[in-house]
Amino acid sequence: MTESAIKKKDEKNVYIGDEFTEEEDLGGKQEVDELEGLYDLMIPPGVPESLIVELVEEFDLEPVTRLTNVEIIEVDTREILVLRGKLEAVNAAHDYMIKRMREISNGGYKSPWVED
């Protein structure tokens, strides 16, 4: 189990996945069980919105945000977009995203919002 799946507490809030709640005790193992069997596909900056929508619809993934450490100049905690789902769906979506991004970078991409 990853550290992101384990709840993090501060004085007033409990952080669970993508939700904040003001309850002090949420039953311990319940939050971890909700994420059991689910995996995250991190979406890098620059992925077109239309491709993200394709991935969500075609592979039945749930778009959520997640706090993670990002090292650019210093290690900062940032909120990033991830697509959450079963392992098989996440792996298939990853392969599809890489294939489509290669097509896009080779000039094979036309924005759906731009007319000829």
PDB file of N, CA and C in Angstrom:
ATOM      1  N   MET A   1       0.847  -1.176   0.000  1.00  0.00           N
ATOM      2  CA  MET A   1       0.000   0.000   0.000  1.00  0.00           C
ATOM      3  C   MET A   1       0.887   1.231   0.000  1.00  0.00           C
ATOM      4  N   THR A   2       0.580   2.206  -0.835  1.00  0.00           N
ATOM      5  CA  THR A   2       1.392   3.409  -0.931  1.00  0.00           C
ATOM      6  C   THR A   2       1.034   4.385   0.176  1.00  0.00           C
ATOM      7  N   GLU A   3       1.948   5.309   0.406  1.00  0.00           N
ATOM      8  CA  GLU A   3       1.720   6.318   1.432  1.00  0.00           C
ATOM      9  C   GLU A   3       0.536   7.196   1.095  1.00  0.00           C
ATOM     10  N   SER A   4       0.268   7.420  -0.205  1.00  0.00           N
ATOM     11  CA  SER A   4      -0.850   8.281  -0.583  1.00  0.00           C
ATOM     12  C   SER A   4      -2.197   7.669  -0.220  1.00  0.00           C
ATOM     13  N   ALA A   5      -2.238   6.358  -0.060  1.00  0.00           N
ATOM     14  CA  ALA A   5      -3.491   5.705   0.294  1.00  0.00           C
ATOM     15  C   ALA A   5      -3.746   5.745   1.790  1.00  0.00           C
ATOM     16  N   ILE A   6      -2.737   6.094   2.566  1.00  0.00           N
ATOM     17  CA  ILE A   6      -2.871   6.155   4.013  1.00  0.00           C
ATOM     18  C   ILE A   6      -3.310   7.560   4.378  1.00  0.00           C
ATOM     19  N   LYS A   7      -4.288   7.674   5.260  1.00  0.00           N
ATOM     20  CA  LYS A   7      -4.812   8.992   5.596  1.00  0.00           C
ATOM     21  C   LYS A   7      -3.780   9.825   6.335  1.00  0.00           C
ATOM     22  N   LYS A   8      -3.814  11.117   6.058  1.00  0.00           N
ATOM     23  CA  LYS A   8      -2.918  12.065   6.684  1.00  0.00           C
ATOM     24  C   LYS A   8      -3.761  13.029   7.505  1.00  0.00           C
ATOM     25  N   LYS A   9      -3.385  13.256   8.738  1.00  0.00           N
ATOM     26  CA  LYS A   9      -4.191  14.103   9.617  1.00  0.00           C
ATOM     27  C   LYS A   9      -3.473  15.412   9.922  1.00  0.00           C
ATOM     28  N   ASP A  10      -4.245  16.481  10.061  1.00  0.00           N
ATOM     29  CA  ASP A  10      -3.753  17.693  10.679  1.00  0.00           C
ATOM     30  C   ASP A  10      -4.698  17.979  11.841  1.00  0.00           C
ATOM     31  N   GLU A  11      -4.690  19.203  12.377  1.00  0.00           N
ATOM     32  CA  GLU A  11      -5.462  19.472  13.583  1.00  0.00           C
ATOM     33  C   GLU A  11      -6.969  19.314  13.386  1.00  0.00           C
ATOM     34  N   LYS A  12      -7.504  19.765  12.236  1.00  0.00           N
ATOM     35  CA  LYS A  12      -8.953  19.756  12.050  1.00  0.00           C
ATOM     36  C   LYS A  12      -9.439  18.789  10.975  1.00  0.00           C
ATOM     37  N   ASN A  13      -8.632  18.517   9.977  1.00  0.00           N
ATOM     38  CA  ASN A  13      -9.095  17.753   8.818  1.00  0.00           C
ATOM     39  C   ASN A  13      -8.394  16.406   8.717  1.00  0.00           C
ATOM     40  N   VAL A  14      -9.076  15.484   8.102  1.00  0.00           N
ATOM     41  CA  VAL A  14      -8.505  14.192   7.770  1.00  0.00           C
ATOM     42  C   VAL A  14      -8.466  14.136   6.250  1.00  0.00           C
ATOM     43  N   TYR A  15      -7.298  13.824   5.675  1.00  0.00           N
ATOM     44  CA  TYR A  15      -7.162  13.748   4.227  1.00  0.00           C
ATOM     45  C   TYR A  15      -7.221  12.292   3.805  1.00  0.00           C
ATOM     46  N   ILE A  16      -8.183  11.982   2.936  1.00  0.00           N
ATOM     47  CA  ILE A  16      -8.347  10.623   2.438  1.00  0.00           C
ATOM     48  C   ILE A  16      -8.455  10.718   0.933  1.00  0.00           C
ATOM     49  N   GLY A  17      -7.457  10.237   0.220  1.00  0.00           N
ATOM     50  CA  GLY A  17      -7.510  10.275  -1.239  1.00  0.00           C
ATOM     51  C   GLY A  17      -7.731  11.675  -1.749  1.00  0.00           C
ATOM     52  N   ASP A  18      -8.931  11.972  -2.210  1.00  0.00           N
ATOM     53  CA  ASP A  18      -9.230  13.281  -2.771  1.00  0.00           C
ATOM     54  C   ASP A  18     -10.209  14.065  -1.914  1.00  0.00           C
ATOM     55  N   GLU A  19     -10.565  13.537  -0.784  1.00  0.00           N
ATOM     56  CA  GLU A  19     -11.611  14.142   0.017  1.00  0.00           C
ATOM     57  C   GLU A  19     -11.059  14.671   1.335  1.00  0.00           C
ATOM     58  N   PHE A  20     -11.586  15.805   1.769  1.00  0.00           N
ATOM     59  CA  PHE A  20     -11.293  16.296   3.101  1.00  0.00           C
ATOM     60  C   PHE A  20     -12.567  16.155   3.923  1.00  0.00           C
ATOM     61  N   THR A  21     -12.419  15.777   5.143  1.00  0.00           N
ATOM     62  CA  THR A  21     -13.562  15.665   6.032  1.00  0.00           C
ATOM     63  C   THR A  21     -13.183  16.212   7.390  1.00  0.00           C
ATOM     64  N   GLU A  22     -14.159  16.671   8.143  1.00  0.00           N
ATOM     65  CA  GLU A  22     -13.875  17.246   9.446  1.00  0.00           C
ATOM     66  C   GLU A  22     -14.104  16.258  10.574  1.00  0.00           C
ATOM     67  N   GLU A  23     -14.472  15.032  10.246  1.00  0.00           N
ATOM     68  CA  GLU A  23     -14.669  14.037  11.289  1.00  0.00           C
ATOM     69  C   GLU A  23     -13.330  13.611  11.857  1.00  0.00           C
ATOM     70  N   GLU A  24     -13.293  13.378  13.152  1.00  0.00           N
ATOM     71  CA  GLU A  24     -12.052  12.976  13.802  1.00  0.00           C
ATOM     72  C   GLU A  24     -11.710  11.521  13.517  1.00  0.00           C
ATOM     73  N   ASP A  25     -12.679  10.634  13.670  1.00  0.00           N
ATOM     74  CA  ASP A  25     -12.404   9.215  13.475  1.00  0.00           C
ATOM     75  C   ASP A  25     -13.322   8.679  12.403  1.00  0.00           C
ATOM     76  N   LEU A  26     -12.751   8.088  11.381  1.00  0.00           N
ATOM     77  CA  LEU A  26     -13.555   7.580  10.265  1.00  0.00           C
ATOM     78  C   LEU A  26     -13.566   6.062  10.178  1.00  0.00           C
ATOM     79  N   GLY A  27     -13.151   5.406  11.212  1.00  0.00           N
ATOM     80  CA  GLY A  27     -13.226   3.957  11.205  1.00  0.00           C
ATOM     81  C   GLY A  27     -11.958   3.260  10.775  1.00  0.00           C
ATOM     82  N   GLY A  28     -10.846   3.960  10.690  1.00  0.00           N
ATOM     83  CA  GLY A  28      -9.560   3.327  10.435  1.00  0.00           C
ATOM     84  C   GLY A  28      -9.401   2.698   9.072  1.00  0.00           C
ATOM     85  N   LYS A  29      -9.659   1.416   8.945  1.00  0.00           N
ATOM     86  CA  LYS A  29      -9.356   0.641   7.744  1.00  0.00           C
ATOM     87  C   LYS A  29     -10.318   0.913   6.588  1.00  0.00           C
ATOM     88  N   GLN A  30     -11.453   1.523   6.857  1.00  0.00           N
ATOM     89  CA  GLN A  30     -12.463   1.759   5.827  1.00  0.00           C
ATOM     90  C   GLN A  30     -11.904   2.548   4.638  1.00  0.00           C
ATOM     91  N   GLU A  31     -11.122   3.619   4.887  1.00  0.00           N
ATOM     92  CA  GLU A  31     -10.604   4.451   3.816  1.00  0.00           C
ATOM     93  C   GLU A  31      -9.609   3.684   2.946  1.00  0.00           C
ATOM     94  N   VAL A  32      -8.768   2.882   3.553  1.00  0.00           N
ATOM     95  CA  VAL A  32      -7.786   2.095   2.819  1.00  0.00           C
ATOM     96  C   VAL A  32      -8.493   1.054   1.963  1.00  0.00           C
ATOM     97  N   ASP A  33      -9.574   0.456   2.481  1.00  0.00           N
ATOM     98  CA  ASP A  33     -10.328  -0.550   1.736  1.00  0.00           C
ATOM     99  C   ASP A  33     -10.965   0.036   0.472  1.00  0.00           C
ATOM    100  N   GLU A  34     -11.365   1.313   0.519  1.00  0.00           N
ATOM    101  CA  GLU A  34     -11.984   1.944  -0.646  1.00  0.00           C
ATOM    102  C   GLU A  34     -11.012   2.039  -1.811  1.00  0.00           C
ATOM    103  N   LEU A  35      -9.714   2.153  -1.534  1.00  0.00           N
ATOM    104  CA  LEU A  35      -8.706   2.283  -2.579  1.00  0.00           C
ATOM    105  C   LEU A  35      -8.067   0.951  -2.951  1.00  0.00           C
ATOM    106  N   GLU A  36      -8.414  -0.105  -2.232  1.00  0.00           N
ATOM    107  CA  GLU A  36      -7.840  -1.427  -2.487  1.00  0.00           C
ATOM    108  C   GLU A  36      -8.176  -1.881  -3.899  1.00  0.00           C
ATOM    109  N   GLY A  37      -7.165  -2.292  -4.658  1.00  0.00           N
ATOM    110  CA  GLY A  37      -7.377  -2.786  -6.013  1.00  0.00           C
ATOM    111  C   GLY A  37      -7.449  -1.705  -7.072  1.00  0.00           C
ATOM    112  N   LEU A  38      -7.306  -0.428  -6.685  1.00  0.00           N
ATOM    113  CA  LEU A  38      -7.335   0.670  -7.642  1.00  0.00           C
ATOM    114  C   LEU A  38      -5.928   1.225  -7.835  1.00  0.00           C
ATOM    115  N   TYR A  39      -5.632   1.648  -9.045  1.00  0.00           N
ATOM    116  CA  TYR A  39      -4.317   2.170  -9.385  1.00  0.00           C
ATOM    117  C   TYR A  39      -4.477   3.529 -10.058  1.00  0.00           C
ATOM    118  N   ASP A  40      -3.426   4.354  -9.990  1.00  0.00           N
ATOM    119  CA  ASP A  40      -3.456   5.698 -10.553  1.00  0.00           C
ATOM    120  C   ASP A  40      -2.527   5.809 -11.752  1.00  0.00           C
ATOM    121  N   LEU A  41      -3.026   6.426 -12.809  1.00  0.00           N
ATOM    122  CA  LEU A  41      -2.220   6.777 -13.972  1.00  0.00           C
ATOM    123  C   LEU A  41      -2.024   8.283 -13.922  1.00  0.00           C
ATOM    124  N   MET A  42      -0.792   8.727 -13.659  1.00  0.00           N
ATOM    125  CA  MET A  42      -0.508  10.160 -13.584  1.00  0.00           C
ATOM    126  C   MET A  42      -0.505  10.753 -14.981  1.00  0.00           C
ATOM    127  N   ILE A  43      -1.168  11.878 -15.136  1.00  0.00           N
ATOM    128  CA  ILE A  43      -1.250  12.559 -16.417  1.00  0.00           C
ATOM    129  C   ILE A  43      -0.213  13.678 -16.432  1.00  0.00           C
ATOM    130  N   PRO A  44       0.793  13.579 -17.306  1.00  0.00           N
ATOM    131  CA  PRO A  44       1.823  14.618 -17.342  1.00  0.00           C
ATOM    132  C   PRO A  44       1.295  15.913 -17.954  1.00  0.00           C
ATOM    133  N   PRO A  45       1.919  17.034 -17.624  1.00  0.00           N
ATOM    134  CA  PRO A  45       1.510  18.307 -18.241  1.00  0.00           C
ATOM    135  C   PRO A  45       1.662  18.228 -19.759  1.00  0.00           C
ATOM    136  N   GLY A  46       0.743  18.866 -20.475  1.00  0.00           N
ATOM    137  CA  GLY A  46       0.822  18.896 -21.934  1.00  0.00           C
ATOM    138  C   GLY A  46      -0.048  17.883 -22.630  1.00  0.00           C
ATOM    139  N   VAL A  47      -0.680  16.982 -21.881  1.00  0.00           N
ATOM    140  CA  VAL A  47      -1.588  16.021 -22.503  1.00  0.00           C
ATOM    141  C   VAL A  47      -2.878  16.762 -22.845  1.00  0.00           C
ATOM    142  N   PRO A  48      -3.295  16.717 -24.111  1.00  0.00           N
ATOM    143  CA  PRO A  48      -4.509  17.446 -24.514  1.00  0.00           C
ATOM    144  C   PRO A  48      -5.742  16.969 -23.745  1.00  0.00           C
ATOM    145  N   GLU A  49      -6.608  17.925 -23.484  1.00  0.00           N
ATOM    146  CA  GLU A  49      -7.852  17.631 -22.770  1.00  0.00           C
ATOM    147  C   GLU A  49      -8.681  16.586 -23.509  1.00  0.00           C
ATOM    148  N   SER A  50      -8.701  16.651 -24.821  1.00  0.00           N
ATOM    149  CA  SER A  50      -9.488  15.689 -25.598  1.00  0.00           C
ATOM    150  C   SER A  50      -8.967  14.262 -25.404  1.00  0.00           C
ATOM    151  N   LEU A  51      -7.661  14.086 -25.249  1.00  0.00           N
ATOM    152  CA  LEU A  51      -7.093  12.762 -25.010  1.00  0.00           C
ATOM    153  C   LEU A  51      -7.460  12.271 -23.611  1.00  0.00           C
ATOM    154  N   ILE A  52      -7.467  13.168 -22.643  1.00  0.00           N
ATOM    155  CA  ILE A  52      -7.852  12.785 -21.279  1.00  0.00           C
ATOM    156  C   ILE A  52      -9.306  12.313 -21.264  1.00  0.00           C
ATOM    157  N   VAL A  53     -10.173  13.037 -21.970  1.00  0.00           N
ATOM    158  CA  VAL A  53     -11.586  12.637 -22.060  1.00  0.00           C
ATOM    159  C   VAL A  53     -11.705  11.270 -22.730  1.00  0.00           C
ATOM    160  N   GLU A  54     -10.932  11.040 -23.794  1.00  0.00           N
ATOM    161  CA  GLU A  54     -10.912   9.732 -24.469  1.00  0.00           C
ATOM    162  C   GLU A  54     -10.548   8.612 -23.495  1.00  0.00           C
ATOM    163  N   LEU A  55      -9.491   8.841 -22.719  1.00  0.00           N
ATOM    164  CA  LEU A  55      -9.031   7.826 -21.767  1.00  0.00           C
ATOM    165  C   LEU A  55     -10.098   7.518 -20.723  1.00  0.00           C
ATOM    166  N   VAL A  56     -10.741   8.566 -20.207  1.00  0.00           N
ATOM    167  CA  VAL A  56     -11.775   8.375 -19.184  1.00  0.00           C
ATOM    168  C   VAL A  56     -12.934   7.566 -19.741  1.00  0.00           C
ATOM    169  N   GLU A  57     -13.392   7.929 -20.925  1.00  0.00           N
ATOM    170  CA  GLU A  57     -14.560   7.264 -21.500  1.00  0.00           C
ATOM    171  C   GLU A  57     -14.256   5.854 -21.991  1.00  0.00           C
ATOM    172  N   GLU A  58     -13.130   5.674 -22.679  1.00  0.00           N
ATOM    173  CA  GLU A  58     -12.833   4.389 -23.294  1.00  0.00           C
ATOM    174  C   GLU A  58     -12.406   3.323 -22.278  1.00  0.00           C
ATOM    175  N   PHE A  59     -11.699   3.736 -21.240  1.00  0.00           N
ATOM    176  CA  PHE A  59     -11.152   2.758 -20.298  1.00  0.00           C
ATOM    177  C   PHE A  59     -11.860   2.778 -18.946  1.00  0.00           C
ATOM    178  N   ASP A  60     -12.950   3.537 -18.831  1.00  0.00           N
ATOM    179  CA  ASP A  60     -13.769   3.591 -17.619  1.00  0.00           C
ATOM    180  C   ASP A  60     -12.914   3.943 -16.395  1.00  0.00           C
ATOM    181  N   LEU A  61     -12.180   5.050 -16.506  1.00  0.00           N
ATOM    182  CA  LEU A  61     -11.340   5.523 -15.411  1.00  0.00           C
ATOM    183  C   LEU A  61     -11.980   6.740 -14.766  1.00  0.00           C
ATOM    184  N   GLU A  62     -11.627   6.988 -13.517  1.00  0.00           N
ATOM    185  CA  GLU A  62     -12.172   8.125 -12.785  1.00  0.00           C
ATOM    186  C   GLU A  62     -11.096   9.199 -12.653  1.00  0.00           C
ATOM    187  N   PRO A  63     -11.354  10.412 -13.177  1.00  0.00           N
ATOM    188  CA  PRO A  63     -10.367  11.484 -13.016  1.00  0.00           C
ATOM    189  C   PRO A  63     -10.445  12.051 -11.599  1.00  0.00           C
ATOM    190  N   VAL A  64      -9.301  12.082 -10.931  1.00  0.00           N
ATOM    191  CA  VAL A  64      -9.203  12.636  -9.583  1.00  0.00           C
ATOM    192  C   VAL A  64      -7.889  13.399  -9.479  1.00  0.00           C
ATOM    193  N   THR A  65      -7.767  14.191  -8.428  1.00  0.00           N
ATOM    194  CA  THR A  65      -6.505  14.860  -8.173  1.00  0.00           C
ATOM    195  C   THR A  65      -5.846  14.210  -6.974  1.00  0.00           C
ATOM    196  N   ARG A  66      -4.536  14.314  -6.930  1.00  0.00           N
ATOM    197  CA  ARG A  66      -3.776  13.683  -5.864  1.00  0.00           C
ATOM    198  C   ARG A  66      -2.598  14.579  -5.507  1.00  0.00           C
ATOM    199  N   LEU A  67      -2.313  14.687  -4.216  1.00  0.00           N
ATOM    200  CA  LEU A  67      -1.143  15.430  -3.775  1.00  0.00           C
ATOM    201  C   LEU A  67       0.071  14.527  -3.850  1.00  0.00           C
ATOM    202  N   THR A  68       1.136  15.023  -4.457  1.00  0.00           N
ATOM    203  CA  THR A  68       2.353  14.247  -4.570  1.00  0.00           C
ATOM    204  C   THR A  68       3.546  15.186  -4.580  1.00  0.00           C
ATOM    205  N   ASN A  69       4.708  14.678  -4.278  1.00  0.00           N
ATOM    206  CA  ASN A  69       5.928  15.475  -4.326  1.00  0.00           C
ATOM    207  C   ASN A  69       6.402  15.562  -5.766  1.00  0.00           C
ATOM    208  N   VAL A  70       6.656  16.783  -6.222  1.00  0.00           N
ATOM    209  CA  VAL A  70       7.133  17.032  -7.568  1.00  0.00           C
ATOM    210  C   VAL A  70       8.453  17.779  -7.458  1.00  0.00           C
ATOM    211  N   GLU A  71       9.478  17.248  -8.114  1.00  0.00           N
ATOM    212  CA  GLU A  71      10.787  17.892  -8.055  1.00  0.00           C
ATOM    213  C   GLU A  71      11.047  18.635  -9.357  1.00  0.00           C
ATOM    214  N   ILE A  72      10.979  19.954  -9.279  1.00  0.00           N
ATOM    215  CA  ILE A  72      11.328  20.798 -10.407  1.00  0.00           C
ATOM    216  C   ILE A  72      12.643  21.497 -10.054  1.00  0.00           C
ATOM    217  N   ILE A  73      12.579  22.455  -9.170  1.00  0.00           N
ATOM    218  CA  ILE A  73      13.785  23.067  -8.621  1.00  0.00           C
ATOM    219  C   ILE A  73      13.982  22.546  -7.207  1.00  0.00           C
ATOM    220  N   GLU A  74      12.913  22.581  -6.456  1.00  0.00           N
ATOM    221  CA  GLU A  74      12.897  22.005  -5.122  1.00  0.00           C
ATOM    222  C   GLU A  74      11.771  20.985  -5.090  1.00  0.00           C
ATOM    223  N   VAL A  75      11.770  20.170  -4.079  1.00  0.00           N
ATOM    224  CA  VAL A  75      10.685  19.205  -3.950  1.00  0.00           C
ATOM    225  C   VAL A  75       9.489  19.934  -3.349  1.00  0.00           C
ATOM    226  N   ASP A  76       8.444  20.070  -4.133  1.00  0.00           N
ATOM    227  CA  ASP A  76       7.211  20.722  -3.695  1.00  0.00           C
ATOM    228  C   ASP A  76       6.072  19.723  -3.751  1.00  0.00           C
ATOM    229  N   THR A  77       5.129  19.878  -2.842  1.00  0.00           N
ATOM    230  CA  THR A  77       3.916  19.071  -2.903  1.00  0.00           C
ATOM    231  C   THR A  77       2.939  19.801  -3.807  1.00  0.00           C
ATOM    232  N   ARG A  78       2.474  19.112  -4.838  1.00  0.00           N
ATOM    233  CA  ARG A  78       1.527  19.696  -5.787  1.00  0.00           C
ATOM    234  C   ARG A  78       0.377  18.753  -6.029  1.00  0.00           C
ATOM    235  N   GLU A  79      -0.706  19.345  -6.497  1.00  0.00           N
ATOM    236  CA  GLU A  79      -1.882  18.568  -6.854  1.00  0.00           C
ATOM    237  C   GLU A  79      -1.769  18.218  -8.337  1.00  0.00           C
ATOM    238  N   ILE A  80      -1.845  16.930  -8.656  1.00  0.00           N
ATOM    239  CA  ILE A  80      -1.742  16.498 -10.047  1.00  0.00           C
ATOM    240  C   ILE A  80      -2.991  15.717 -10.436  1.00  0.00           C
ATOM    241  N   LEU A  81      -3.253  15.646 -11.732  1.00  0.00           N
ATOM    242  CA  LEU A  81      -4.387  14.891 -12.250  1.00  0.00           C
ATOM    243  C   LEU A  81      -3.974  13.443 -12.437  1.00  0.00           C
ATOM    244  N   VAL A  82      -4.790  12.539 -11.934  1.00  0.00           N
ATOM    245  CA  VAL A  82      -4.570  11.112 -12.157  1.00  0.00           C
ATOM    246  C   VAL A  82      -5.885  10.490 -12.607  1.00  0.00           C
ATOM    247  N   LEU A  83      -5.775   9.395 -13.329  1.00  0.00           N
ATOM    248  CA  LEU A  83      -6.946   8.614 -13.711  1.00  0.00           C
ATOM    249  C   LEU A  83      -6.889   7.322 -12.921  1.00  0.00           C
ATOM    250  N   ARG A  84      -7.921   7.056 -12.153  1.00  0.00           N
ATOM    251  CA  ARG A  84      -7.926   5.928 -11.227  1.00  0.00           C
ATOM    252  C   ARG A  84      -8.844   4.827 -11.733  1.00  0.00           C
ATOM    253  N   GLY A  85      -8.341   3.580 -11.627  1.00  0.00           N
ATOM    254  CA  GLY A  85      -9.148   2.436 -12.034  1.00  0.00           C
ATOM    255  C   GLY A  85      -8.442   1.128 -11.747  1.00  0.00           C
ATOM    256  N   LYS A  86      -8.990   0.065 -12.276  1.00  0.00           N
ATOM    257  CA  LYS A  86      -8.408  -1.274 -12.112  1.00  0.00           C
ATOM    258  C   LYS A  86      -7.088  -1.363 -12.875  1.00  0.00           C
ATOM    259  N   LEU A  87      -6.219  -2.275 -12.452  1.00  0.00           N
ATOM    260  CA  LEU A  87      -4.875  -2.392 -13.012  1.00  0.00           C
ATOM    261  C   LEU A  87      -4.886  -2.603 -14.523  1.00  0.00           C
ATOM    262  N   GLU A  88      -5.730  -3.495 -15.018  1.00  0.00           N
ATOM    263  CA  GLU A  88      -5.766  -3.784 -16.454  1.00  0.00           C
ATOM    264  C   GLU A  88      -6.160  -2.545 -17.254  1.00  0.00           C
ATOM    265  N   ALA A  89      -7.158  -1.808 -16.761  1.00  0.00           N
ATOM    266  CA  ALA A  89      -7.625  -0.602 -17.452  1.00  0.00           C
ATOM    267  C   ALA A  89      -6.556   0.486 -17.423  1.00  0.00           C
ATOM    268  N   VAL A  90      -5.876   0.636 -16.298  1.00  0.00           N
ATOM    269  CA  VAL A  90      -4.828   1.654 -16.173  1.00  0.00           C
ATOM    270  C   VAL A  90      -3.661   1.334 -17.106  1.00  0.00           C
ATOM    271  N   ASN A  91      -3.254   0.066 -17.172  1.00  0.00           N
ATOM    272  CA  ASN A  91      -2.162  -0.326 -18.066  1.00  0.00           C
ATOM    273  C   ASN A  91      -2.528  -0.113 -19.534  1.00  0.00           C
ATOM    274  N   ALA A  92      -3.748  -0.475 -19.906  1.00  0.00           N
ATOM    275  CA  ALA A  92      -4.195  -0.283 -21.285  1.00  0.00           C
ATOM    276  C   ALA A  92      -4.277   1.212 -21.623  1.00  0.00           C
ATOM    277  N   ALA A  93      -4.762   2.019 -20.680  1.00  0.00           N
ATOM    278  CA  ALA A  93      -4.850   3.461 -20.895  1.00  0.00           C
ATOM    279  C   ALA A  93      -3.461   4.079 -21.022  1.00  0.00           C
ATOM    280  N   HIS A  94      -2.516   3.596 -20.241  1.00  0.00           N
ATOM    281  CA  HIS A  94      -1.140   4.096 -20.325  1.00  0.00           C
ATOM    282  C   HIS A  94      -0.556   3.835 -21.715  1.00  0.00           C
ATOM    283  N   ASP A  95      -0.701   2.610 -22.205  1.00  0.00           N
ATOM    284  CA  ASP A  95      -0.185   2.275 -23.531  1.00  0.00           C
ATOM    285  C   ASP A  95      -0.848   3.118 -24.614  1.00  0.00           C
ATOM    286  N   TYR A  96      -2.160   3.307 -24.503  1.00  0.00           N
ATOM    287  CA  TYR A  96      -2.898   4.108 -25.475  1.00  0.00           C
ATOM    288  C   TYR A  96      -2.443   5.567 -25.426  1.00  0.00           C
ATOM    289  N   MET A  97      -2.243   6.107 -24.210  1.00  0.00           N
ATOM    290  CA  MET A  97      -1.811   7.494 -24.055  1.00  0.00           C
ATOM    291  C   MET A  97      -0.433   7.702 -24.699  1.00  0.00           C
ATOM    292  N   ILE A  98       0.488   6.775 -24.476  1.00  0.00           N
ATOM    293  CA  ILE A  98       1.822   6.885 -25.064  1.00  0.00           C
ATOM    294  C   ILE A  98       1.735   6.848 -26.592  1.00  0.00           C
ATOM    295  N   LYS A  99       0.931   5.925 -27.124  1.00  0.00           N
ATOM    296  CA  LYS A  99       0.762   5.813 -28.579  1.00  0.00           C
ATOM    297  C   LYS A  99       0.204   7.108 -29.163  1.00  0.00           C
ATOM    298  N   ARG A 100      -0.839   7.638 -28.530  1.00  0.00           N
ATOM    299  CA  ARG A 100      -1.470   8.866 -29.031  1.00  0.00           C
ATOM    300  C   ARG A 100      -0.550  10.077 -28.893  1.00  0.00           C
ATOM    301  N   MET A 101       0.228  10.144 -27.816  1.00  0.00           N
ATOM    302  CA  MET A 101       1.151  11.275 -27.635  1.00  0.00           C
ATOM    303  C   MET A 101       2.258  11.233 -28.693  1.00  0.00           C
ATOM    304  N   ARG A 102       2.699  10.030 -29.081  1.00  0.00           N
ATOM    305  CA  ARG A 102       3.689   9.915 -30.168  1.00  0.00           C
ATOM    306  C   ARG A 102       3.092  10.413 -31.477  1.00  0.00           C
ATOM    307  N   GLU A 103       1.833  10.050 -31.744  1.00  0.00           N
ATOM    308  CA  GLU A 103       1.158  10.528 -32.949  1.00  0.00           C
ATOM    309  C   GLU A 103       1.049  12.050 -32.934  1.00  0.00           C
ATOM    310  N   ILE A 104       0.709  12.595 -31.777  1.00  0.00           N
ATOM    311  CA  ILE A 104       0.564  14.047 -31.641  1.00  0.00           C
ATOM    312  C   ILE A 104       1.904  14.745 -31.881  1.00  0.00           C
ATOM    313  N   SER A 105       2.968  14.215 -31.294  1.00  0.00           N
ATOM    314  CA  SER A 105       4.277  14.859 -31.429  1.00  0.00           C
ATOM    315  C   SER A 105       4.829  14.754 -32.848  1.00  0.00           C
ATOM    316  N   ASN A 106       4.355  13.792 -33.633  1.00  0.00           N
ATOM    317  CA  ASN A 106       4.793  13.653 -35.025  1.00  0.00           C
ATOM    318  C   ASN A 106       3.912  14.442 -35.990  1.00  0.00           C
ATOM    319  N   GLY A 107       3.054  15.301 -35.468  1.00  0.00           N
ATOM    320  CA  GLY A 107       2.228  16.154 -36.319  1.00  0.00           C
ATOM    321  C   GLY A 107       0.926  15.532 -36.740  1.00  0.00           C
ATOM    322  N   GLY A 108       0.562  14.419 -36.160  1.00  0.00           N
ATOM    323  CA  GLY A 108      -0.675  13.758 -36.542  1.00  0.00           C
ATOM    324  C   GLY A 108      -1.869  14.165 -35.703  1.00  0.00           C
ATOM    325  N   TYR A 109      -1.791  15.313 -35.050  1.00  0.00           N
ATOM    326  CA  TYR A 109      -2.872  15.735 -34.162  1.00  0.00           C
ATOM    327  C   TYR A 109      -3.507  17.004 -34.695  1.00  0.00           C
ATOM    328  N   LYS A 110      -4.818  16.986 -34.741  1.00  0.00           N
ATOM    329  CA  LYS A 110      -5.575  18.188 -35.114  1.00  0.00           C
ATOM    330  C   LYS A 110      -6.558  18.460 -33.975  1.00  0.00           C
ATOM    331  N   SER A 111      -6.480  19.634 -33.411  1.00  0.00           N
ATOM    332  CA  SER A 111      -7.360  19.990 -32.304  1.00  0.00           C
ATOM    333  C   SER A 111      -8.815  19.940 -32.752  1.00  0.00           C
ATOM    334  N   PRO A 112      -9.686  19.359 -31.938  1.00  0.00           N
ATOM    335  CA  PRO A 112     -11.106  19.296 -32.326  1.00  0.00           C
ATOM    336  C   PRO A 112     -11.787  20.675 -32.302  1.00  0.00           C
ATOM    337  N   TRP A 113     -11.118  21.678 -31.717  1.00  0.00           N
ATOM    338  CA  TRP A 113     -11.721  23.011 -31.606  1.00  0.00           C
ATOM    339  C   TRP A 113     -11.244  23.957 -32.692  1.00  0.00           C
ATOM    340  N   VAL A 114     -10.311  23.516 -33.540  1.00  0.00           N
ATOM    341  CA  VAL A 114      -9.788  24.379 -34.594  1.00  0.00           C
ATOM    342  C   VAL A 114     -10.367  23.915 -35.930  1.00  0.00           C
ATOM    343  N   GLU A 115     -10.919  24.871 -36.678  1.00  0.00           N
ATOM    344  CA  GLU A 115     -11.469  24.539 -37.994  1.00  0.00           C
ATOM    345  C   GLU A 115     -10.366  24.566 -39.041  1.00  0.00           C
ATOM    346  N   ASP A 116     -10.592  23.878 -40.164  1.00  0.00           N
ATOM    347  CA  ASP A 116      -9.589  23.832 -41.261  1.00  0.00           C
ATOM    348  C   ASP A 116      -9.252  25.173 -41.798  1.00  0.00           C
TER     349      ASP A 116
END
